[in-house]
N, C-alpha and C. Protein backbone atom coordinates (compact mmCIF):
# COMPACT_ATOMS: atom_id res chain seq x y z
N MET A 1 -17.61 -21.10 -41.52
CA MET A 1 -16.70 -20.99 -40.18
C MET A 1 -17.51 -21.96 -39.18
N GLU A 2 -16.42 -22.51 -38.34
CA GLU A 2 -16.91 -23.15 -37.27
C GLU A 2 -17.44 -22.15 -36.15
N GLY A 3 -18.50 -22.38 -35.38
CA GLY A 3 -19.27 -21.53 -34.38
C GLY A 3 -19.88 -20.48 -34.87
N VAL A 4 -20.27 -19.55 -33.95
CA VAL A 4 -21.11 -18.45 -34.13
C VAL A 4 -20.10 -17.12 -34.04
N ILE A 5 -19.83 -16.37 -35.07
CA ILE A 5 -18.86 -15.25 -34.78
C ILE A 5 -19.96 -13.92 -34.16
N LYS A 6 -19.59 -13.42 -33.17
CA LYS A 6 -20.41 -12.44 -32.53
C LYS A 6 -20.44 -11.35 -33.31
N GLU A 7 -19.11 -10.67 -33.73
CA GLU A 7 -19.08 -9.45 -34.14
C GLU A 7 -19.64 -9.53 -35.69
N ASP A 8 -20.11 -8.55 -36.41
CA ASP A 8 -20.38 -8.41 -37.60
C ASP A 8 -19.24 -8.22 -38.53
N GLU A 9 -18.31 -7.54 -37.96
CA GLU A 9 -17.25 -7.59 -38.85
C GLU A 9 -16.04 -7.08 -37.93
N GLY A 10 -14.63 -7.36 -38.54
CA GLY A 10 -13.41 -7.22 -37.69
C GLY A 10 -12.07 -7.32 -38.73
N VAL A 11 -11.08 -6.97 -38.12
CA VAL A 11 -9.73 -6.92 -38.68
C VAL A 11 -9.09 -7.88 -37.93
N ILE A 12 -8.26 -8.85 -38.55
CA ILE A 12 -7.32 -9.63 -37.92
C ILE A 12 -5.85 -9.12 -38.56
N ASP A 13 -5.09 -8.40 -37.84
CA ASP A 13 -3.96 -7.89 -38.06
C ASP A 13 -2.85 -8.56 -37.24
N ARG A 14 -1.99 -9.93 -37.57
CA ARG A 14 -1.34 -10.64 -37.03
C ARG A 14 -0.36 -11.26 -38.01
N PRO A 15 0.86 -11.28 -37.62
CA PRO A 15 2.07 -11.60 -38.50
C PRO A 15 2.13 -13.06 -38.53
N ILE A 16 2.02 -13.80 -39.53
CA ILE A 16 2.22 -15.14 -39.99
C ILE A 16 3.61 -15.47 -40.62
N GLY A 17 4.09 -16.94 -39.92
CA GLY A 17 5.12 -17.33 -40.39
C GLY A 17 5.27 -18.84 -40.29
N ARG A 18 6.47 -19.52 -40.49
CA ARG A 18 6.29 -21.04 -40.47
C ARG A 18 5.88 -21.54 -39.10
N ASP A 19 5.05 -22.50 -38.71
CA ASP A 19 5.00 -22.86 -37.44
C ASP A 19 6.21 -23.50 -37.11
N LYS A 20 6.51 -23.29 -35.72
CA LYS A 20 7.78 -23.55 -35.35
C LYS A 20 7.98 -25.29 -34.69
N LYS A 21 6.72 -25.87 -34.63
CA LYS A 21 6.40 -27.14 -34.40
C LYS A 21 6.23 -28.09 -35.53
N ASP A 22 5.95 -27.48 -36.60
CA ASP A 22 5.45 -28.30 -37.99
C ASP A 22 5.74 -27.39 -39.00
N ARG A 23 6.93 -27.65 -39.60
CA ARG A 23 7.43 -26.52 -40.74
C ARG A 23 6.46 -26.45 -41.98
N LYS A 24 5.47 -27.63 -41.89
CA LYS A 24 4.78 -27.80 -43.15
C LYS A 24 3.32 -26.72 -43.23
N LEU A 25 3.41 -26.32 -41.63
CA LEU A 25 2.11 -25.43 -41.54
C LEU A 25 2.78 -23.93 -41.01
N MET A 26 1.52 -23.07 -41.14
CA MET A 26 1.84 -21.51 -41.04
C MET A 26 1.36 -21.23 -39.53
N ALA A 27 1.44 -20.16 -38.77
CA ALA A 27 0.99 -19.88 -37.68
C ALA A 27 1.38 -18.35 -37.62
N VAL A 28 0.62 -17.82 -36.54
CA VAL A 28 0.65 -16.52 -36.13
C VAL A 28 1.95 -16.67 -35.09
N ASP A 29 3.06 -15.40 -35.61
CA ASP A 29 4.35 -15.46 -35.23
C ASP A 29 5.01 -14.23 -35.30
N ALA A 30 5.47 -13.70 -34.10
CA ALA A 30 5.82 -12.29 -33.95
C ALA A 30 7.00 -11.98 -34.97
N ASP A 31 7.62 -12.99 -35.43
CA ASP A 31 8.83 -12.88 -36.26
C ASP A 31 8.56 -13.06 -37.59
N GLY A 32 7.11 -13.36 -37.97
CA GLY A 32 6.41 -13.64 -39.12
C GLY A 32 6.25 -12.15 -39.98
N ARG A 33 5.87 -12.43 -41.19
CA ARG A 33 5.46 -11.42 -42.03
C ARG A 33 4.17 -11.10 -41.83
N LYS A 34 3.90 -9.64 -42.05
CA LYS A 34 2.52 -8.88 -41.80
C LYS A 34 1.56 -9.75 -42.51
N ALA A 35 0.48 -9.65 -41.77
CA ALA A 35 -0.62 -10.43 -42.59
C ALA A 35 -2.15 -9.84 -42.00
N VAL A 36 -2.81 -9.03 -42.80
CA VAL A 36 -4.01 -8.53 -42.53
C VAL A 36 -5.24 -9.08 -43.48
N THR A 37 -6.29 -9.31 -42.55
CA THR A 37 -7.27 -10.02 -43.02
C THR A 37 -8.73 -9.35 -42.48
N LEU A 38 -9.47 -8.83 -43.45
CA LEU A 38 -11.02 -8.13 -43.08
C LEU A 38 -12.00 -9.31 -43.25
N TYR A 39 -12.92 -9.26 -42.13
CA TYR A 39 -14.03 -10.18 -42.33
C TYR A 39 -15.44 -9.37 -42.12
N SER A 40 -16.27 -10.10 -42.56
CA SER A 40 -17.76 -9.62 -42.57
C SER A 40 -18.43 -10.87 -42.37
N VAL A 41 -19.52 -10.98 -41.66
CA VAL A 41 -20.33 -12.11 -41.28
C VAL A 41 -21.68 -11.76 -42.46
N VAL A 42 -21.77 -12.59 -43.04
CA VAL A 42 -22.90 -12.97 -44.31
C VAL A 42 -24.05 -13.66 -43.79
N GLN A 43 -23.77 -14.90 -43.09
CA GLN A 43 -24.98 -15.33 -42.41
C GLN A 43 -24.61 -16.16 -41.30
N ARG A 44 -25.53 -16.02 -40.09
CA ARG A 44 -25.18 -16.91 -39.02
C ARG A 44 -26.10 -18.20 -39.05
N PHE A 45 -25.60 -19.23 -38.63
CA PHE A 45 -26.42 -20.23 -38.51
C PHE A 45 -26.20 -21.06 -36.83
N ARG A 46 -26.85 -21.93 -36.52
CA ARG A 46 -26.61 -22.27 -34.79
C ARG A 46 -25.32 -22.66 -34.65
N ALA A 47 -24.51 -23.25 -35.60
CA ALA A 47 -23.10 -23.78 -35.09
C ALA A 47 -22.16 -23.28 -36.20
N ASN A 48 -22.52 -22.38 -36.87
CA ASN A 48 -21.57 -21.88 -38.13
C ASN A 48 -21.66 -20.61 -38.48
N THR A 49 -20.83 -19.86 -39.04
CA THR A 49 -21.02 -18.66 -39.91
C THR A 49 -20.63 -18.43 -40.90
N LEU A 50 -21.29 -18.11 -42.04
CA LEU A 50 -20.95 -17.82 -43.36
C LEU A 50 -20.15 -16.42 -43.53
N VAL A 51 -18.82 -16.36 -43.72
CA VAL A 51 -18.01 -15.17 -43.94
C VAL A 51 -17.26 -14.83 -44.97
N ARG A 52 -17.54 -13.52 -45.10
CA ARG A 52 -16.57 -12.65 -46.39
C ARG A 52 -15.66 -12.45 -45.86
N PHE A 53 -14.18 -12.64 -46.62
CA PHE A 53 -12.90 -12.22 -46.18
C PHE A 53 -12.42 -11.27 -47.35
N GLU A 54 -11.51 -10.32 -46.72
CA GLU A 54 -10.89 -9.58 -47.69
C GLU A 54 -9.47 -9.33 -47.35
N LEU A 55 -8.63 -10.08 -48.17
CA LEU A 55 -7.19 -10.11 -47.74
C LEU A 55 -6.42 -8.79 -48.26
N LYS A 56 -5.99 -8.22 -47.02
CA LYS A 56 -5.22 -6.67 -47.69
C LYS A 56 -3.43 -7.18 -47.81
N THR A 57 -3.30 -8.55 -47.17
CA THR A 57 -1.63 -9.21 -47.63
C THR A 57 -2.12 -10.41 -48.28
N GLY A 58 -0.96 -11.27 -48.72
CA GLY A 58 -1.37 -12.52 -49.43
C GLY A 58 -0.47 -13.55 -48.83
N ARG A 59 -0.66 -13.99 -47.50
CA ARG A 59 0.47 -14.83 -47.05
C ARG A 59 -0.07 -16.27 -47.05
N THR A 60 0.72 -17.10 -47.21
CA THR A 60 0.24 -18.87 -47.32
C THR A 60 -0.66 -18.98 -46.17
N HIS A 61 -1.73 -19.51 -46.51
CA HIS A 61 -2.85 -20.22 -45.48
C HIS A 61 -3.21 -18.98 -44.82
N GLN A 62 -3.43 -17.80 -45.11
CA GLN A 62 -3.64 -16.65 -44.16
C GLN A 62 -4.91 -16.81 -43.64
N ILE A 63 -6.15 -16.99 -44.38
CA ILE A 63 -7.39 -17.05 -43.97
C ILE A 63 -7.56 -18.47 -42.83
N ARG A 64 -6.91 -19.53 -43.15
CA ARG A 64 -7.01 -20.57 -42.33
C ARG A 64 -6.35 -20.19 -40.90
N VAL A 65 -5.19 -19.79 -41.04
CA VAL A 65 -4.32 -19.51 -39.76
C VAL A 65 -5.15 -18.35 -39.03
N HIS A 66 -5.52 -17.23 -39.67
CA HIS A 66 -6.38 -16.00 -38.72
C HIS A 66 -7.57 -16.56 -38.14
N SER A 67 -8.39 -17.49 -39.11
CA SER A 67 -9.64 -18.10 -38.61
C SER A 67 -9.32 -18.92 -37.45
N LYS A 68 -8.41 -19.66 -37.38
CA LYS A 68 -8.21 -20.47 -36.22
C LYS A 68 -7.65 -19.61 -35.15
N LEU A 69 -7.04 -18.23 -35.35
CA LEU A 69 -6.67 -17.82 -34.05
C LEU A 69 -7.96 -17.07 -33.76
N ILE A 70 -8.66 -16.90 -34.08
CA ILE A 70 -10.21 -16.41 -33.48
C ILE A 70 -10.97 -17.34 -32.96
N GLY A 71 -10.50 -18.45 -33.07
CA GLY A 71 -11.47 -19.55 -32.55
C GLY A 71 -12.49 -20.00 -33.59
N HIS A 72 -12.50 -19.87 -34.93
CA HIS A 72 -13.42 -20.27 -35.67
C HIS A 72 -12.82 -20.53 -36.93
N PRO A 73 -12.18 -21.87 -36.99
CA PRO A 73 -11.57 -22.08 -38.19
C PRO A 73 -12.55 -22.49 -39.32
N VAL A 74 -12.03 -22.70 -40.50
CA VAL A 74 -12.67 -23.25 -41.41
C VAL A 74 -13.30 -24.40 -41.45
N VAL A 75 -14.78 -24.59 -41.71
CA VAL A 75 -15.14 -25.96 -41.89
C VAL A 75 -14.57 -26.89 -42.83
N GLY A 76 -14.00 -28.06 -42.18
CA GLY A 76 -13.65 -28.90 -43.56
C GLY A 76 -12.09 -28.99 -43.37
N ASP A 77 -11.18 -28.01 -42.68
CA ASP A 77 -9.93 -27.70 -42.52
C ASP A 77 -9.40 -28.94 -41.82
N PRO A 78 -8.67 -29.63 -42.43
CA PRO A 78 -7.84 -30.86 -41.97
C PRO A 78 -6.44 -30.72 -40.90
N GLN A 79 -5.83 -29.28 -41.58
CA GLN A 79 -4.74 -28.97 -40.74
C GLN A 79 -5.15 -27.87 -39.85
N TYR A 80 -6.01 -27.22 -39.83
CA TYR A 80 -6.04 -25.83 -38.86
C TYR A 80 -7.42 -26.11 -38.18
N GLY A 81 -8.37 -26.94 -38.60
CA GLY A 81 -9.70 -26.72 -38.18
C GLY A 81 -9.85 -27.96 -37.04
N PHE A 82 -11.10 -28.29 -36.74
CA PHE A 82 -11.48 -28.90 -35.55
C PHE A 82 -11.20 -30.46 -36.15
N LYS A 83 -10.76 -31.21 -35.12
CA LYS A 83 -10.60 -32.77 -35.43
C LYS A 83 -11.87 -33.63 -35.87
N ARG A 84 -12.98 -33.26 -35.20
CA ARG A 84 -14.17 -33.75 -35.44
C ARG A 84 -14.98 -32.54 -36.16
N GLN A 85 -15.54 -33.18 -37.41
CA GLN A 85 -16.20 -32.55 -38.44
C GLN A 85 -17.49 -32.94 -38.45
N ARG A 86 -18.51 -31.99 -38.52
CA ARG A 86 -19.86 -32.23 -38.66
C ARG A 86 -20.21 -32.70 -40.16
N PHE A 87 -19.73 -32.20 -41.10
CA PHE A 87 -20.07 -32.55 -42.56
C PHE A 87 -19.10 -33.48 -43.29
N ASN A 88 -19.14 -34.32 -43.92
CA ASN A 88 -18.43 -35.36 -44.35
C ASN A 88 -17.78 -34.94 -45.87
N LEU A 89 -16.96 -33.88 -45.62
CA LEU A 89 -16.40 -33.10 -46.51
C LEU A 89 -15.03 -33.80 -47.28
N ALA A 90 -14.67 -33.72 -48.64
CA ALA A 90 -13.34 -34.10 -49.08
C ALA A 90 -12.54 -32.93 -49.06
N GLY A 91 -13.00 -31.49 -48.80
CA GLY A 91 -12.30 -30.37 -48.59
C GLY A 91 -12.47 -29.66 -47.76
N GLN A 92 -12.34 -28.27 -47.58
CA GLN A 92 -12.59 -27.19 -46.73
C GLN A 92 -13.68 -26.32 -47.23
N LEU A 93 -14.60 -25.73 -46.64
CA LEU A 93 -15.53 -24.65 -47.12
C LEU A 93 -15.04 -23.42 -47.07
N LEU A 94 -13.91 -23.33 -48.13
CA LEU A 94 -13.07 -21.96 -48.54
C LEU A 94 -13.14 -21.94 -49.90
N HIS A 95 -13.70 -20.55 -50.51
CA HIS A 95 -13.73 -20.60 -51.97
C HIS A 95 -13.58 -18.86 -51.92
N SER A 96 -12.82 -18.81 -53.26
CA SER A 96 -12.44 -17.73 -53.93
C SER A 96 -13.77 -16.88 -54.92
N LYS A 97 -14.78 -16.48 -54.43
CA LYS A 97 -15.74 -16.02 -55.00
C LYS A 97 -15.14 -14.98 -56.28
N GLU A 98 -14.74 -13.84 -55.59
CA GLU A 98 -14.14 -12.65 -56.16
C GLU A 98 -12.66 -12.57 -55.96
N LEU A 99 -12.26 -12.32 -57.02
CA LEU A 99 -10.58 -11.84 -56.91
C LEU A 99 -10.40 -10.71 -57.89
N HIS A 100 -9.45 -9.76 -57.32
CA HIS A 100 -9.55 -8.36 -57.86
C HIS A 100 -7.94 -8.48 -57.58
N PHE A 101 -7.31 -7.95 -58.78
CA PHE A 101 -5.62 -7.57 -58.54
C PHE A 101 -5.52 -6.80 -59.76
N THR A 102 -4.28 -6.04 -59.59
CA THR A 102 -3.54 -5.25 -60.63
C THR A 102 -2.41 -6.27 -61.32
N HIS A 103 -2.62 -6.34 -62.34
CA HIS A 103 -1.52 -7.14 -63.17
C HIS A 103 -0.23 -6.57 -62.95
N PRO A 104 0.73 -7.36 -62.64
CA PRO A 104 2.03 -6.90 -62.30
C PRO A 104 2.98 -6.57 -63.19
N VAL A 105 2.60 -6.73 -64.50
CA VAL A 105 3.58 -6.49 -65.69
C VAL A 105 2.45 -5.32 -66.56
N THR A 106 1.41 -5.56 -66.69
CA THR A 106 0.72 -4.69 -67.51
C THR A 106 0.20 -3.34 -66.95
N GLY A 107 -0.23 -3.61 -65.42
CA GLY A 107 -0.73 -2.61 -64.87
C GLY A 107 -2.40 -2.83 -65.00
N LYS A 108 -2.76 -3.72 -65.62
CA LYS A 108 -4.21 -3.55 -65.97
C LYS A 108 -5.01 -4.36 -64.72
N SER A 109 -6.12 -3.66 -64.69
CA SER A 109 -7.23 -4.39 -63.54
C SER A 109 -7.53 -5.55 -63.91
N MET A 110 -7.21 -6.68 -63.19
CA MET A 110 -7.95 -7.90 -63.43
C MET A 110 -9.35 -8.36 -62.36
N ASP A 111 -10.30 -8.79 -62.59
CA ASP A 111 -11.48 -9.15 -61.97
C ASP A 111 -11.90 -10.43 -62.68
N PHE A 112 -11.97 -11.46 -61.41
CA PHE A 112 -12.74 -12.63 -61.59
C PHE A 112 -13.60 -12.96 -60.78
N ASP A 113 -14.41 -13.67 -61.21
CA ASP A 113 -15.85 -14.22 -60.51
C ASP A 113 -16.14 -15.49 -60.53
N SER A 114 -16.21 -16.25 -59.73
CA SER A 114 -16.93 -17.77 -59.76
C SER A 114 -18.11 -18.27 -58.89
N GLU A 115 -18.75 -19.19 -59.43
CA GLU A 115 -19.85 -19.67 -58.61
C GLU A 115 -19.15 -20.67 -57.28
N LEU A 116 -19.89 -20.86 -56.24
CA LEU A 116 -19.64 -21.68 -55.16
C LEU A 116 -19.59 -23.15 -55.93
N PRO A 117 -18.84 -24.09 -55.46
CA PRO A 117 -18.93 -25.65 -55.92
C PRO A 117 -19.98 -26.08 -55.24
N ASP A 118 -20.57 -27.22 -56.05
CA ASP A 118 -21.76 -27.87 -55.60
C ASP A 118 -21.67 -28.17 -54.00
N TYR A 119 -20.47 -28.74 -53.76
CA TYR A 119 -20.43 -29.29 -52.10
C TYR A 119 -20.53 -28.21 -51.37
N PHE A 120 -20.14 -26.98 -51.82
CA PHE A 120 -20.27 -25.89 -50.74
C PHE A 120 -21.78 -25.36 -50.33
N LYS A 121 -22.31 -25.63 -51.90
CA LYS A 121 -23.76 -25.14 -51.85
C LYS A 121 -24.88 -26.00 -51.24
N LYS A 122 -24.55 -27.31 -50.97
CA LYS A 122 -25.06 -28.25 -50.41
C LYS A 122 -25.09 -28.22 -49.08
N VAL A 123 -23.74 -28.02 -48.68
CA VAL A 123 -23.50 -27.69 -47.15
C VAL A 123 -24.53 -26.44 -46.58
N LEU A 124 -24.58 -25.35 -47.47
CA LEU A 124 -25.39 -24.13 -47.12
C LEU A 124 -26.90 -24.49 -47.17
N ASP A 125 -27.34 -25.13 -47.96
CA ASP A 125 -28.57 -25.74 -48.25
C ASP A 125 -28.93 -26.34 -46.85
N THR A 126 -28.22 -27.27 -46.58
CA THR A 126 -28.50 -27.95 -45.12
C THR A 126 -28.66 -27.23 -43.98
N LEU A 127 -27.59 -25.94 -43.96
CA LEU A 127 -27.63 -25.41 -42.78
C LEU A 127 -28.85 -24.35 -43.01
N THR A 128 -28.86 -23.82 -44.29
CA THR A 128 -30.20 -23.00 -44.18
C THR A 128 -31.55 -23.83 -43.92
N LYS A 129 -31.85 -24.96 -44.22
CA LYS A 129 -33.12 -25.71 -43.81
C LYS A 129 -33.21 -25.99 -42.58
N THR A 130 -31.91 -26.47 -41.90
CA THR A 130 -32.15 -26.90 -40.71
C THR A 130 -31.32 -26.03 -39.48
N ASP A 131 -30.51 -25.16 -39.80
CA ASP A 131 -29.74 -24.48 -38.69
C ASP A 131 -29.89 -22.75 -38.79
N LEU A 132 -30.80 -22.31 -39.75
CA LEU A 132 -30.68 -20.83 -39.62
C LEU A 132 -31.10 -19.97 -38.52
N ILE A 133 -30.52 -18.88 -38.12
CA ILE A 133 -30.75 -18.22 -37.05
C ILE A 133 -31.49 -16.94 -37.59
N ASP A 134 -32.73 -16.74 -37.11
CA ASP A 134 -33.33 -15.72 -37.66
C ASP A 134 -32.60 -14.17 -37.09
């Protein structure tokens, strides 16, 4: 995330709908659908925060919209993030490390886990070496 999040954890409970100015984007909108995102800080750096998100709902661009709402957009996000980016990224630093859900047909619990992509690890290595807050 951009910036340093002060709280160790929090809940963002704000509805999300189509952006009224740009229909290709989503936005917090009182007329939108319920959207709940839980977050917890994993690591703080001088100008960034590594955050773990847990989605209680599954709205389009939910993490990106809620992160922007609290003033800490996803690093590298061209639509919802800062115009000036510190890292030269081809994408955003947003990754589904773990995914858990109940299969809608079989009712079976489904669990998936994946490693961070190399470009994400590279940014974390750089931040750990140069920007780590004790």
